[in-house]
Amino acid sequence: MHKIGLTGGICTGKTFILNIFKELDCYTLRADEIAKPIIFDPDSQVSQEIVREFGEGIYDEKKGLKKEEFTRILFEDIEKRNFVNNTVHPLVVAEREKVFKDLDKTGVYQFFIYESALMVESGTYKDFDKIIVVFTTAEEQMKRLQERDGINHENAEKRIKAQFPLSEKLKVAHYIIDTSGSFESAKAKAYETFHLMKKDFNIS
């Protein structure tokens, strides 16, 4: 089973493209799927560490960590963002590797596609056989983010700038998928990338 990393900026279409690969019988996994229970489960040790670092105001006795407040602080405070990344990241990587090794033994899948927005920032892109970078125009990215999260231009810009520039992510790409056009166009490019991957790994 070949290990493929998929990354890109916020609201560039990563999840959409990942779902296309799932339809193509690849095993797909998102870093967020692993990270969310690590961060938000009430009994999580990491959750307790975050409360100590962020302050009691981040925690609700009935609901646990306040997700919206947590997200806002992550994008606005680089020190707290680094604290969370440094605390959570090793746990996410360990779980990812466990999933990969267990699946690899089964021989069921040809490709393991793992999506993570922070793959380049964290340096974990080096763990993969090939890297796919999903991107779109800056204008389209801004528009999608504002519509998705219901935020203004200033807040959307803060969230985009909190991540590495797309230009830096594109430097490590083996395959590039542009989602600036229609859904049909993006889907066609994902199919094209899938066939290129099969060719590169000599899979018929």
N, C-alpha and C. Protein backbone atom coordinates (compact mmCIF):
# COMPACT_ATOMS: atom_id res chain seq x y z
N MET A 1 0.85 -1.19 0.00
CA MET A 1 0.00 0.00 0.00
C MET A 1 0.89 1.25 0.00
N HIS A 2 0.57 2.16 -0.89
CA HIS A 2 1.37 3.37 -1.04
C HIS A 2 0.78 4.50 -0.22
N LYS A 3 1.66 5.21 0.48
CA LYS A 3 1.23 6.26 1.41
C LYS A 3 1.31 7.62 0.72
N ILE A 4 0.15 8.23 0.53
CA ILE A 4 0.07 9.50 -0.19
C ILE A 4 -0.44 10.59 0.75
N GLY A 5 0.27 11.71 0.79
CA GLY A 5 -0.17 12.84 1.58
C GLY A 5 -0.94 13.82 0.71
N LEU A 6 -2.01 14.36 1.26
CA LEU A 6 -2.81 15.36 0.55
C LEU A 6 -2.92 16.60 1.43
N THR A 7 -2.52 17.74 0.88
CA THR A 7 -2.54 18.96 1.66
C THR A 7 -2.94 20.15 0.79
N GLY A 8 -2.96 21.31 1.42
CA GLY A 8 -3.38 22.53 0.74
C GLY A 8 -3.80 23.54 1.79
N GLY A 9 -4.21 24.70 1.36
CA GLY A 9 -4.65 25.71 2.31
C GLY A 9 -6.08 25.51 2.77
N ILE A 10 -6.50 26.33 3.71
CA ILE A 10 -7.87 26.30 4.18
C ILE A 10 -8.83 26.66 3.04
N CYS A 11 -9.89 25.91 2.91
CA CYS A 11 -10.92 26.15 1.88
C CYS A 11 -10.39 26.10 0.44
N THR A 12 -9.44 25.22 0.20
CA THR A 12 -8.97 25.02 -1.18
C THR A 12 -9.65 23.83 -1.84
N GLY A 13 -10.41 23.05 -1.07
CA GLY A 13 -11.12 21.91 -1.64
C GLY A 13 -10.54 20.56 -1.29
N LYS A 14 -9.76 20.51 -0.21
CA LYS A 14 -9.09 19.26 0.17
C LYS A 14 -10.08 18.13 0.45
N THR A 15 -11.11 18.42 1.23
CA THR A 15 -12.08 17.38 1.60
C THR A 15 -12.84 16.87 0.38
N PHE A 16 -13.20 17.77 -0.50
CA PHE A 16 -13.88 17.37 -1.74
C PHE A 16 -13.03 16.40 -2.54
N ILE A 17 -11.76 16.75 -2.71
CA ILE A 17 -10.85 15.89 -3.48
C ILE A 17 -10.62 14.57 -2.76
N LEU A 18 -10.48 14.62 -1.45
CA LEU A 18 -10.28 13.38 -0.68
C LEU A 18 -11.45 12.43 -0.89
N ASN A 19 -12.65 12.97 -0.92
CA ASN A 19 -13.84 12.12 -1.12
C ASN A 19 -13.86 11.49 -2.50
N ILE A 20 -13.29 12.17 -3.48
CA ILE A 20 -13.18 11.57 -4.83
C ILE A 20 -12.26 10.35 -4.77
N PHE A 21 -11.15 10.48 -4.07
CA PHE A 21 -10.23 9.34 -3.94
C PHE A 21 -10.89 8.19 -3.18
N LYS A 22 -11.74 8.51 -2.25
CA LYS A 22 -12.48 7.45 -1.53
C LYS A 22 -13.39 6.71 -2.50
N GLU A 23 -14.03 7.44 -3.40
CA GLU A 23 -14.88 6.82 -4.41
C GLU A 23 -14.07 5.93 -5.35
N LEU A 24 -12.78 6.22 -5.47
CA LEU A 24 -11.88 5.44 -6.33
C LEU A 24 -11.25 4.27 -5.58
N ASP A 25 -11.82 3.94 -4.43
CA ASP A 25 -11.39 2.79 -3.62
C ASP A 25 -10.03 2.96 -2.96
N CYS A 26 -9.65 4.21 -2.71
CA CYS A 26 -8.48 4.46 -1.88
C CYS A 26 -8.95 4.51 -0.43
N TYR A 27 -8.07 4.15 0.50
CA TYR A 27 -8.40 4.35 1.91
C TYR A 27 -8.07 5.80 2.25
N THR A 28 -9.02 6.53 2.79
CA THR A 28 -8.80 7.94 3.08
C THR A 28 -8.95 8.21 4.58
N LEU A 29 -8.14 9.13 5.05
CA LEU A 29 -8.16 9.51 6.46
C LEU A 29 -7.78 10.97 6.58
N ARG A 30 -8.47 11.70 7.47
CA ARG A 30 -8.19 13.11 7.70
C ARG A 30 -7.53 13.29 9.06
N ALA A 31 -6.54 14.16 9.12
CA ALA A 31 -5.88 14.46 10.39
C ALA A 31 -6.90 14.95 11.41
N ASP A 32 -7.88 15.73 10.96
CA ASP A 32 -8.89 16.25 11.88
C ASP A 32 -9.71 15.14 12.54
N GLU A 33 -9.93 14.04 11.81
CA GLU A 33 -10.69 12.92 12.37
C GLU A 33 -9.97 12.34 13.60
N ILE A 34 -8.65 12.35 13.52
CA ILE A 34 -7.85 11.83 14.63
C ILE A 34 -7.73 12.87 15.74
N ALA A 35 -7.53 14.13 15.34
CA ALA A 35 -7.24 15.19 16.31
C ALA A 35 -8.45 15.57 17.17
N LYS A 36 -9.64 15.57 16.59
CA LYS A 36 -10.81 16.07 17.33
C LYS A 36 -11.06 15.34 18.64
N PRO A 37 -11.09 14.00 18.66
CA PRO A 37 -11.30 13.34 19.96
C PRO A 37 -10.14 13.57 20.93
N ILE A 38 -8.93 13.70 20.39
CA ILE A 38 -7.77 13.96 21.25
C ILE A 38 -7.94 15.30 21.96
N ILE A 39 -8.50 16.28 21.24
CA ILE A 39 -8.64 17.63 21.79
C ILE A 39 -9.92 17.79 22.60
N PHE A 40 -11.03 17.27 22.07
CA PHE A 40 -12.33 17.64 22.62
C PHE A 40 -13.00 16.60 23.53
N ASP A 41 -12.53 15.36 23.54
CA ASP A 41 -13.15 14.40 24.45
C ASP A 41 -12.99 14.89 25.89
N PRO A 42 -14.08 14.86 26.67
CA PRO A 42 -14.04 15.39 28.04
C PRO A 42 -12.96 14.76 28.91
N ASP A 43 -12.68 13.48 28.68
CA ASP A 43 -11.70 12.78 29.51
C ASP A 43 -10.28 12.87 28.97
N SER A 44 -10.11 13.61 27.87
CA SER A 44 -8.80 13.70 27.24
C SER A 44 -7.81 14.47 28.10
N GLN A 45 -6.63 13.90 28.26
CA GLN A 45 -5.56 14.57 28.99
C GLN A 45 -5.15 15.87 28.29
N VAL A 46 -5.19 15.83 26.95
CA VAL A 46 -4.82 17.01 26.16
C VAL A 46 -5.81 18.15 26.41
N SER A 47 -7.10 17.80 26.51
CA SER A 47 -8.12 18.80 26.79
C SER A 47 -7.81 19.53 28.09
N GLN A 48 -7.40 18.79 29.09
CA GLN A 48 -7.07 19.39 30.38
C GLN A 48 -5.83 20.29 30.28
N GLU A 49 -4.86 19.87 29.46
CA GLU A 49 -3.66 20.69 29.26
C GLU A 49 -4.00 22.00 28.55
N ILE A 50 -4.95 21.92 27.60
CA ILE A 50 -5.37 23.12 26.87
C ILE A 50 -6.05 24.11 27.82
N VAL A 51 -6.88 23.62 28.72
CA VAL A 51 -7.55 24.49 29.69
C VAL A 51 -6.51 25.19 30.57
N ARG A 52 -5.49 24.46 30.98
CA ARG A 52 -4.44 25.07 31.81
C ARG A 52 -3.69 26.16 31.04
N GLU A 53 -3.48 25.93 29.75
CA GLU A 53 -2.73 26.89 28.92
C GLU A 53 -3.60 28.08 28.50
N PHE A 54 -4.85 27.82 28.15
CA PHE A 54 -5.74 28.86 27.61
C PHE A 54 -6.49 29.62 28.70
N GLY A 55 -6.68 28.99 29.85
CA GLY A 55 -7.46 29.59 30.91
C GLY A 55 -8.83 28.94 31.05
N GLU A 56 -9.40 29.06 32.23
CA GLU A 56 -10.69 28.40 32.53
C GLU A 56 -11.82 28.88 31.62
N GLY A 57 -11.69 30.09 31.07
CA GLY A 57 -12.75 30.64 30.23
C GLY A 57 -12.99 29.85 28.96
N ILE A 58 -12.05 28.98 28.57
CA ILE A 58 -12.19 28.18 27.36
C ILE A 58 -13.05 26.95 27.60
N TYR A 59 -13.41 26.70 28.86
CA TYR A 59 -14.08 25.45 29.21
C TYR A 59 -15.48 25.69 29.76
N ASP A 60 -16.41 24.86 29.30
CA ASP A 60 -17.79 24.88 29.79
C ASP A 60 -18.06 23.58 30.54
N GLU A 61 -18.54 23.66 31.75
CA GLU A 61 -18.73 22.47 32.59
C GLU A 61 -19.63 21.42 31.93
N LYS A 62 -20.60 21.88 31.13
CA LYS A 62 -21.55 20.95 30.52
C LYS A 62 -21.09 20.47 29.14
N LYS A 63 -20.48 21.36 28.38
CA LYS A 63 -20.14 21.04 26.98
C LYS A 63 -18.65 20.76 26.74
N GLY A 64 -17.81 21.05 27.73
CA GLY A 64 -16.38 20.86 27.54
C GLY A 64 -15.75 22.08 26.90
N LEU A 65 -14.70 21.87 26.10
CA LEU A 65 -14.03 22.99 25.45
C LEU A 65 -15.00 23.74 24.53
N LYS A 66 -14.94 25.06 24.58
CA LYS A 66 -15.78 25.88 23.71
C LYS A 66 -15.13 25.94 22.33
N LYS A 67 -15.70 25.20 21.39
CA LYS A 67 -15.05 25.01 20.09
C LYS A 67 -14.85 26.31 19.32
N GLU A 68 -15.85 27.16 19.29
CA GLU A 68 -15.72 28.41 18.53
C GLU A 68 -14.65 29.31 19.14
N GLU A 69 -14.64 29.41 20.46
CA GLU A 69 -13.64 30.23 21.14
C GLU A 69 -12.25 29.63 20.96
N PHE A 70 -12.16 28.32 21.04
CA PHE A 70 -10.90 27.62 20.84
C PHE A 70 -10.34 27.90 19.45
N THR A 71 -11.20 27.79 18.43
CA THR A 71 -10.79 28.04 17.05
C THR A 71 -10.34 29.48 16.86
N ARG A 72 -11.09 30.41 17.43
CA ARG A 72 -10.73 31.83 17.29
C ARG A 72 -9.34 32.11 17.86
N ILE A 73 -9.09 31.58 19.06
CA ILE A 73 -7.80 31.81 19.70
C ILE A 73 -6.66 31.17 18.89
N LEU A 74 -6.92 29.99 18.35
CA LEU A 74 -5.88 29.31 17.55
C LEU A 74 -5.39 30.18 16.40
N PHE A 75 -6.33 30.83 15.73
CA PHE A 75 -5.94 31.64 14.58
C PHE A 75 -5.35 32.99 14.97
N GLU A 76 -5.64 33.47 16.19
CA GLU A 76 -5.19 34.80 16.59
C GLU A 76 -3.92 34.80 17.43
N ASP A 77 -3.65 33.69 18.11
CA ASP A 77 -2.52 33.64 19.06
C ASP A 77 -1.53 32.56 18.62
N ILE A 78 -0.42 32.98 18.05
CA ILE A 78 0.54 32.03 17.49
C ILE A 78 1.18 31.16 18.57
N GLU A 79 1.39 31.70 19.78
CA GLU A 79 1.99 30.91 20.84
C GLU A 79 1.07 29.78 21.29
N LYS A 80 -0.20 30.09 21.43
CA LYS A 80 -1.16 29.05 21.82
C LYS A 80 -1.35 28.05 20.69
N ARG A 81 -1.32 28.53 19.45
CA ARG A 81 -1.43 27.62 18.30
C ARG A 81 -0.25 26.66 18.27
N ASN A 82 0.94 27.18 18.53
CA ASN A 82 2.12 26.32 18.55
C ASN A 82 2.05 25.32 19.70
N PHE A 83 1.51 25.75 20.84
CA PHE A 83 1.36 24.85 21.99
C PHE A 83 0.46 23.68 21.61
N VAL A 84 -0.69 23.99 21.00
CA VAL A 84 -1.64 22.93 20.61
C VAL A 84 -1.01 22.02 19.57
N ASN A 85 -0.38 22.59 18.56
CA ASN A 85 0.23 21.77 17.52
C ASN A 85 1.31 20.85 18.09
N ASN A 86 2.16 21.39 18.95
CA ASN A 86 3.25 20.60 19.53
C ASN A 86 2.74 19.51 20.46
N THR A 87 1.59 19.77 21.10
CA THR A 87 1.02 18.79 22.02
C THR A 87 0.26 17.70 21.29
N VAL A 88 -0.52 18.11 20.29
CA VAL A 88 -1.43 17.18 19.60
C VAL A 88 -0.75 16.42 18.47
N HIS A 89 0.15 17.09 17.79
CA HIS A 89 0.72 16.52 16.57
C HIS A 89 1.36 15.14 16.75
N PRO A 90 2.22 14.94 17.74
CA PRO A 90 2.83 13.61 17.91
C PRO A 90 1.79 12.50 18.13
N LEU A 91 0.72 12.82 18.81
CA LEU A 91 -0.34 11.83 19.07
C LEU A 91 -1.09 11.49 17.79
N VAL A 92 -1.30 12.50 16.96
CA VAL A 92 -1.98 12.29 15.68
C VAL A 92 -1.12 11.43 14.77
N VAL A 93 0.17 11.73 14.70
CA VAL A 93 1.08 10.96 13.85
C VAL A 93 1.14 9.50 14.30
N ALA A 94 1.20 9.28 15.59
CA ALA A 94 1.27 7.91 16.11
C ALA A 94 0.02 7.12 15.74
N GLU A 95 -1.14 7.75 15.84
CA GLU A 95 -2.38 7.07 15.47
C GLU A 95 -2.46 6.83 13.96
N ARG A 96 -2.01 7.80 13.19
CA ARG A 96 -1.98 7.64 11.73
C ARG A 96 -1.13 6.44 11.33
N GLU A 97 0.04 6.32 11.94
CA GLU A 97 0.93 5.21 11.61
C GLU A 97 0.35 3.87 12.02
N LYS A 98 -0.36 3.85 13.13
CA LYS A 98 -1.01 2.61 13.58
C LYS A 98 -2.06 2.18 12.56
N VAL A 99 -2.88 3.14 12.13
CA VAL A 99 -3.92 2.83 11.14
C VAL A 99 -3.29 2.32 9.85
N PHE A 100 -2.23 2.99 9.41
CA PHE A 100 -1.56 2.59 8.17
C PHE A 100 -1.00 1.17 8.26
N LYS A 101 -0.30 0.89 9.34
CA LYS A 101 0.33 -0.43 9.49
C LYS A 101 -0.71 -1.55 9.56
N ASP A 102 -1.79 -1.30 10.28
CA ASP A 102 -2.86 -2.31 10.38
C ASP A 102 -3.50 -2.57 9.02
N LEU A 103 -3.71 -1.50 8.26
CA LEU A 103 -4.32 -1.65 6.93
C LEU A 103 -3.36 -2.32 5.95
N ASP A 104 -2.10 -1.95 6.04
CA ASP A 104 -1.10 -2.49 5.11
C ASP A 104 -1.02 -4.01 5.20
N LYS A 105 -1.22 -4.54 6.39
CA LYS A 105 -1.19 -5.99 6.59
C LYS A 105 -2.31 -6.71 5.85
N THR A 106 -3.44 -6.01 5.66
CA THR A 106 -4.60 -6.65 5.02
C THR A 106 -4.44 -6.79 3.52
N GLY A 107 -3.66 -5.91 2.91
CA GLY A 107 -3.47 -5.96 1.46
C GLY A 107 -4.71 -5.56 0.67
N VAL A 108 -5.67 -4.91 1.32
CA VAL A 108 -6.94 -4.57 0.66
C VAL A 108 -6.81 -3.35 -0.24
N TYR A 109 -6.04 -2.37 0.21
CA TYR A 109 -5.98 -1.09 -0.51
C TYR A 109 -4.63 -0.90 -1.20
N GLN A 110 -4.68 -0.23 -2.35
CA GLN A 110 -3.45 0.12 -3.05
C GLN A 110 -2.90 1.46 -2.58
N PHE A 111 -3.81 2.36 -2.21
CA PHE A 111 -3.39 3.70 -1.80
C PHE A 111 -4.02 4.09 -0.46
N PHE A 112 -3.19 4.67 0.39
CA PHE A 112 -3.61 5.26 1.66
C PHE A 112 -3.45 6.77 1.47
N ILE A 113 -4.57 7.50 1.44
CA ILE A 113 -4.53 8.94 1.21
C ILE A 113 -4.85 9.65 2.52
N TYR A 114 -3.90 10.44 2.99
CA TYR A 114 -4.04 11.11 4.29
C TYR A 114 -4.04 12.62 4.09
N GLU A 115 -5.11 13.26 4.54
CA GLU A 115 -5.24 14.71 4.36
C GLU A 115 -4.89 15.45 5.64
N SER A 116 -4.01 16.42 5.52
CA SER A 116 -3.64 17.26 6.65
C SER A 116 -3.27 18.65 6.14
N ALA A 117 -3.89 19.67 6.71
CA ALA A 117 -3.61 21.04 6.29
C ALA A 117 -2.20 21.47 6.69
N LEU A 118 -1.65 20.85 7.76
CA LEU A 118 -0.37 21.28 8.31
C LEU A 118 0.79 20.36 7.93
N MET A 119 0.62 19.62 6.88
CA MET A 119 1.63 18.63 6.49
C MET A 119 2.99 19.25 6.16
N VAL A 120 2.97 20.40 5.51
CA VAL A 120 4.24 21.05 5.15
C VAL A 120 4.83 21.78 6.35
N GLU A 121 3.97 22.51 7.08
CA GLU A 121 4.42 23.24 8.26
C GLU A 121 5.10 22.31 9.27
N SER A 122 4.52 21.14 9.46
CA SER A 122 5.03 20.21 10.48
C SER A 122 6.21 19.38 9.98
N GLY A 123 6.41 19.36 8.67
CA GLY A 123 7.49 18.55 8.10
C GLY A 123 7.10 17.10 7.86
N THR A 124 5.86 16.72 8.16
CA THR A 124 5.46 15.32 8.01
C THR A 124 5.23 14.92 6.56
N TYR A 125 5.29 15.87 5.64
CA TYR A 125 5.18 15.51 4.22
C TYR A 125 6.29 14.53 3.83
N LYS A 126 7.38 14.54 4.60
CA LYS A 126 8.50 13.63 4.32
C LYS A 126 8.17 12.18 4.64
N ASP A 127 7.06 11.95 5.36
CA ASP A 127 6.66 10.59 5.73
C ASP A 127 5.95 9.86 4.59
N PHE A 128 5.68 10.56 3.50
CA PHE A 128 4.83 10.00 2.45
C PHE A 128 5.60 9.72 1.16
N ASP A 129 5.07 8.77 0.40
CA ASP A 129 5.70 8.41 -0.87
C ASP A 129 5.54 9.52 -1.91
N LYS A 130 4.37 10.13 -1.93
CA LYS A 130 4.07 11.23 -2.84
C LYS A 130 3.16 12.23 -2.14
N ILE A 131 3.19 13.47 -2.62
CA ILE A 131 2.37 14.53 -2.04
C ILE A 131 1.46 15.14 -3.12
N ILE A 132 0.18 15.25 -2.76
CA ILE A 132 -0.79 15.97 -3.60
C ILE A 132 -1.07 17.30 -2.93
N VAL A 133 -0.97 18.38 -3.68
CA VAL A 133 -1.35 19.69 -3.15
C VAL A 133 -2.58 20.18 -3.90
N VAL A 134 -3.62 20.49 -3.12
CA VAL A 134 -4.86 21.03 -3.66
C VAL A 134 -4.82 22.55 -3.49
N PHE A 135 -5.11 23.28 -4.56
CA PHE A 135 -5.06 24.73 -4.42
C PHE A 135 -6.16 25.39 -5.24
N THR A 136 -6.37 26.66 -4.96
CA THR A 136 -7.30 27.48 -5.72
C THR A 136 -6.76 28.90 -5.72
N THR A 137 -7.42 29.80 -6.41
CA THR A 137 -6.96 31.19 -6.43
C THR A 137 -7.19 31.83 -5.06
N ALA A 138 -6.43 32.86 -4.77
CA ALA A 138 -6.57 33.56 -3.49
C ALA A 138 -7.97 34.14 -3.34
N GLU A 139 -8.52 34.63 -4.44
CA GLU A 139 -9.86 35.21 -4.40
C GLU A 139 -10.91 34.15 -4.09
N GLU A 140 -10.79 33.00 -4.72
CA GLU A 140 -11.75 31.93 -4.49
C GLU A 140 -11.62 31.37 -3.07
N GLN A 141 -10.40 31.26 -2.59
CA GLN A 141 -10.17 30.78 -1.23
C GLN A 141 -10.83 31.72 -0.22
N MET A 142 -10.64 33.01 -0.41
CA MET A 142 -11.23 34.01 0.49
C MET A 142 -12.76 33.93 0.46
N LYS A 143 -13.31 33.83 -0.72
CA LYS A 143 -14.77 33.76 -0.88
C LYS A 143 -15.33 32.52 -0.18
N ARG A 144 -14.72 31.37 -0.41
CA ARG A 144 -15.19 30.11 0.20
C ARG A 144 -15.14 30.17 1.71
N LEU A 145 -14.04 30.71 2.25
CA LEU A 145 -13.87 30.76 3.71
C LEU A 145 -14.91 31.67 4.35
N GLN A 146 -15.15 32.82 3.74
CA GLN A 146 -16.14 33.74 4.29
C GLN A 146 -17.53 33.11 4.27
N GLU A 147 -17.85 32.42 3.18
CA GLU A 147 -19.17 31.79 3.07
C GLU A 147 -19.30 30.61 4.02
N ARG A 148 -18.25 29.80 4.13
CA ARG A 148 -18.32 28.61 4.97
C ARG A 148 -18.46 28.95 6.45
N ASP A 149 -17.65 29.91 6.92
CA ASP A 149 -17.61 30.21 8.35
C ASP A 149 -18.44 31.43 8.75
N GLY A 150 -19.02 32.10 7.75
CA GLY A 150 -19.83 33.27 8.05
C GLY A 150 -19.03 34.39 8.71
N ILE A 151 -17.82 34.63 8.20
CA ILE A 151 -16.94 35.64 8.78
C ILE A 151 -16.64 36.73 7.76
N ASN A 152 -16.12 37.86 8.26
CA ASN A 152 -15.82 38.96 7.35
C ASN A 152 -14.44 38.78 6.71
N HIS A 153 -14.12 39.69 5.81
CA HIS A 153 -12.87 39.60 5.05
C HIS A 153 -11.65 39.63 5.97
N GLU A 154 -11.68 40.49 6.99
CA GLU A 154 -10.53 40.62 7.89
C GLU A 154 -10.25 39.32 8.65
N ASN A 155 -11.29 38.70 9.18
CA ASN A 155 -11.10 37.45 9.92
C ASN A 155 -10.70 36.31 9.01
N ALA A 156 -11.25 36.30 7.80
CA ALA A 156 -10.87 35.27 6.83
C ALA A 156 -9.39 35.40 6.48
N GLU A 157 -8.94 36.63 6.31
CA GLU A 157 -7.53 36.87 5.98
C GLU A 157 -6.61 36.39 7.10
N LYS A 158 -7.02 36.61 8.36
CA LYS A 158 -6.23 36.16 9.51
C LYS A 158 -6.07 34.64 9.47
N ARG A 159 -7.15 33.94 9.17
CA ARG A 159 -7.11 32.48 9.17
C ARG A 159 -6.23 31.95 8.04
N ILE A 160 -6.30 32.62 6.89
CA ILE A 160 -5.47 32.19 5.76
C ILE A 160 -3.99 32.44 6.07
N LYS A 161 -3.70 33.58 6.66
CA LYS A 161 -2.31 33.93 6.96
C LYS A 161 -1.72 33.11 8.10
N ALA A 162 -2.59 32.45 8.89
CA ALA A 162 -2.11 31.61 9.99
C ALA A 162 -1.47 30.33 9.46
N GLN A 163 -1.69 30.01 8.18
CA GLN A 163 -1.10 28.82 7.58
C GLN A 163 0.02 29.22 6.63
N PHE A 164 0.83 28.24 6.25
CA PHE A 164 1.88 28.48 5.26
C PHE A 164 1.24 28.96 3.96
N PRO A 165 1.93 29.83 3.21
CA PRO A 165 1.41 30.23 1.90
C PRO A 165 1.29 29.02 0.97
N LEU A 166 0.28 29.03 0.12
CA LEU A 166 0.12 27.93 -0.83
C LEU A 166 1.36 27.77 -1.70
N SER A 167 2.03 28.87 -1.98
CA SER A 167 3.24 28.81 -2.83
C SER A 167 4.30 27.92 -2.21
N GLU A 168 4.40 27.91 -0.86
CA GLU A 168 5.37 27.06 -0.19
C GLU A 168 4.94 25.59 -0.25
N LYS A 169 3.66 25.34 -0.14
CA LYS A 169 3.15 23.96 -0.20
C LYS A 169 3.34 23.37 -1.59
N LEU A 170 3.17 24.22 -2.60
CA LEU A 170 3.31 23.73 -3.98
C LEU A 170 4.74 23.27 -4.29
N LYS A 171 5.71 23.77 -3.53
CA LYS A 171 7.11 23.39 -3.77
C LYS A 171 7.37 21.92 -3.50
N VAL A 172 6.56 21.29 -2.65
CA VAL A 172 6.81 19.88 -2.30
C VAL A 172 5.86 18.94 -3.06
N ALA A 173 5.05 19.49 -3.95
CA ALA A 173 4.02 18.69 -4.62
C ALA A 173 4.58 17.78 -5.71
N HIS A 174 4.09 16.53 -5.72
CA HIS A 174 4.32 15.64 -6.85
C HIS A 174 3.15 15.74 -7.83
N TYR A 175 1.97 16.03 -7.28
CA TYR A 175 0.76 16.20 -8.08
C TYR A 175 0.04 17.45 -7.57
N ILE A 176 -0.53 18.21 -8.50
CA ILE A 176 -1.24 19.44 -8.16
C ILE A 176 -2.66 19.37 -8.72
N ILE A 177 -3.64 19.67 -7.86
CA ILE A 177 -5.03 19.67 -8.30
C ILE A 177 -5.61 21.06 -8.06
N ASP A 178 -5.98 21.73 -9.15
CA ASP A 178 -6.56 23.07 -9.10
C ASP A 178 -8.08 22.96 -9.02
N THR A 179 -8.66 23.47 -7.94
CA THR A 179 -10.11 23.38 -7.77
C THR A 179 -10.81 24.71 -8.05
N SER A 180 -10.14 25.61 -8.76
CA SER A 180 -10.70 26.95 -8.98
C SER A 180 -11.96 26.94 -9.83
N GLY A 181 -12.11 25.94 -10.67
CA GLY A 181 -13.26 25.89 -11.57
C GLY A 181 -14.46 25.20 -10.95
N SER A 182 -15.18 24.47 -11.79
CA SER A 182 -16.40 23.78 -11.36
C SER A 182 -16.07 22.50 -10.60
N PHE A 183 -17.09 21.95 -9.93
CA PHE A 183 -16.93 20.67 -9.26
C PHE A 183 -16.53 19.59 -10.26
N GLU A 184 -17.14 19.64 -11.44
CA GLU A 184 -16.85 18.63 -12.46
C GLU A 184 -15.39 18.71 -12.91
N SER A 185 -14.90 19.93 -13.05
CA SER A 185 -13.50 20.12 -13.45
C SER A 185 -12.55 19.60 -12.38
N ALA A 186 -12.84 19.90 -11.12
CA ALA A 186 -11.99 19.43 -10.02
C ALA A 186 -12.02 17.91 -9.93
N LYS A 187 -13.19 17.33 -10.14
CA LYS A 187 -13.31 15.87 -10.09
C LYS A 187 -12.49 15.23 -11.20
N ALA A 188 -12.54 15.83 -12.39
CA ALA A 188 -11.78 15.29 -13.52
C ALA A 188 -10.29 15.34 -13.24
N LYS A 189 -9.84 16.41 -12.58
CA LYS A 189 -8.42 16.54 -12.26
C LYS A 189 -8.00 15.52 -11.19
N ALA A 190 -8.92 15.21 -10.28
CA ALA A 190 -8.63 14.18 -9.28
C ALA A 190 -8.49 12.82 -9.95
N TYR A 191 -9.37 12.53 -10.90
CA TYR A 191 -9.29 11.27 -11.66
C TYR A 191 -7.97 11.20 -12.42
N GLU A 192 -7.60 12.29 -13.03
CA GLU A 192 -6.34 12.33 -13.79
C GLU A 192 -5.15 12.06 -12.87
N THR A 193 -5.18 12.66 -11.68
CA THR A 193 -4.10 12.45 -10.71
C THR A 193 -4.06 10.99 -10.26
N PHE A 194 -5.22 10.40 -10.05
CA PHE A 194 -5.29 9.00 -9.64
C PHE A 194 -4.63 8.09 -10.69
N HIS A 195 -4.90 8.36 -11.94
CA HIS A 195 -4.29 7.54 -13.01
C HIS A 195 -2.78 7.78 -13.10
N LEU A 196 -2.34 9.01 -12.85
CA LEU A 196 -0.91 9.29 -12.82
C LEU A 196 -0.22 8.55 -11.68
N MET A 197 -0.89 8.50 -10.53
CA MET A 197 -0.36 7.76 -9.39
C MET A 197 -0.20 6.29 -9.72
N LYS A 198 -1.22 5.72 -10.31
CA LYS A 198 -1.16 4.30 -10.68
C LYS A 198 -0.01 4.05 -11.66
N LYS A 199 0.16 4.96 -12.58
CA LYS A 199 1.26 4.83 -13.54
C LYS A 199 2.62 4.93 -12.86
N ASP A 200 2.75 5.89 -11.93
CA ASP A 200 4.03 6.09 -11.23
C ASP A 200 4.41 4.91 -10.35
N PHE A 201 3.40 4.19 -9.83
CA PHE A 201 3.65 3.03 -8.97
C PHE A 201 3.49 1.71 -9.71
N ASN A 202 3.39 1.80 -11.04
CA ASN A 202 3.27 0.61 -11.89
C ASN A 202 2.10 -0.28 -11.48
N ILE A 203 0.94 0.35 -11.26
CA ILE A 203 -0.28 -0.38 -10.92
C ILE A 203 -1.19 -0.40 -12.14
N SER A 204 -1.59 -1.58 -12.54
CA SER A 204 -2.42 -1.70 -13.75
C SER A 204 -3.88 -1.46 -13.42
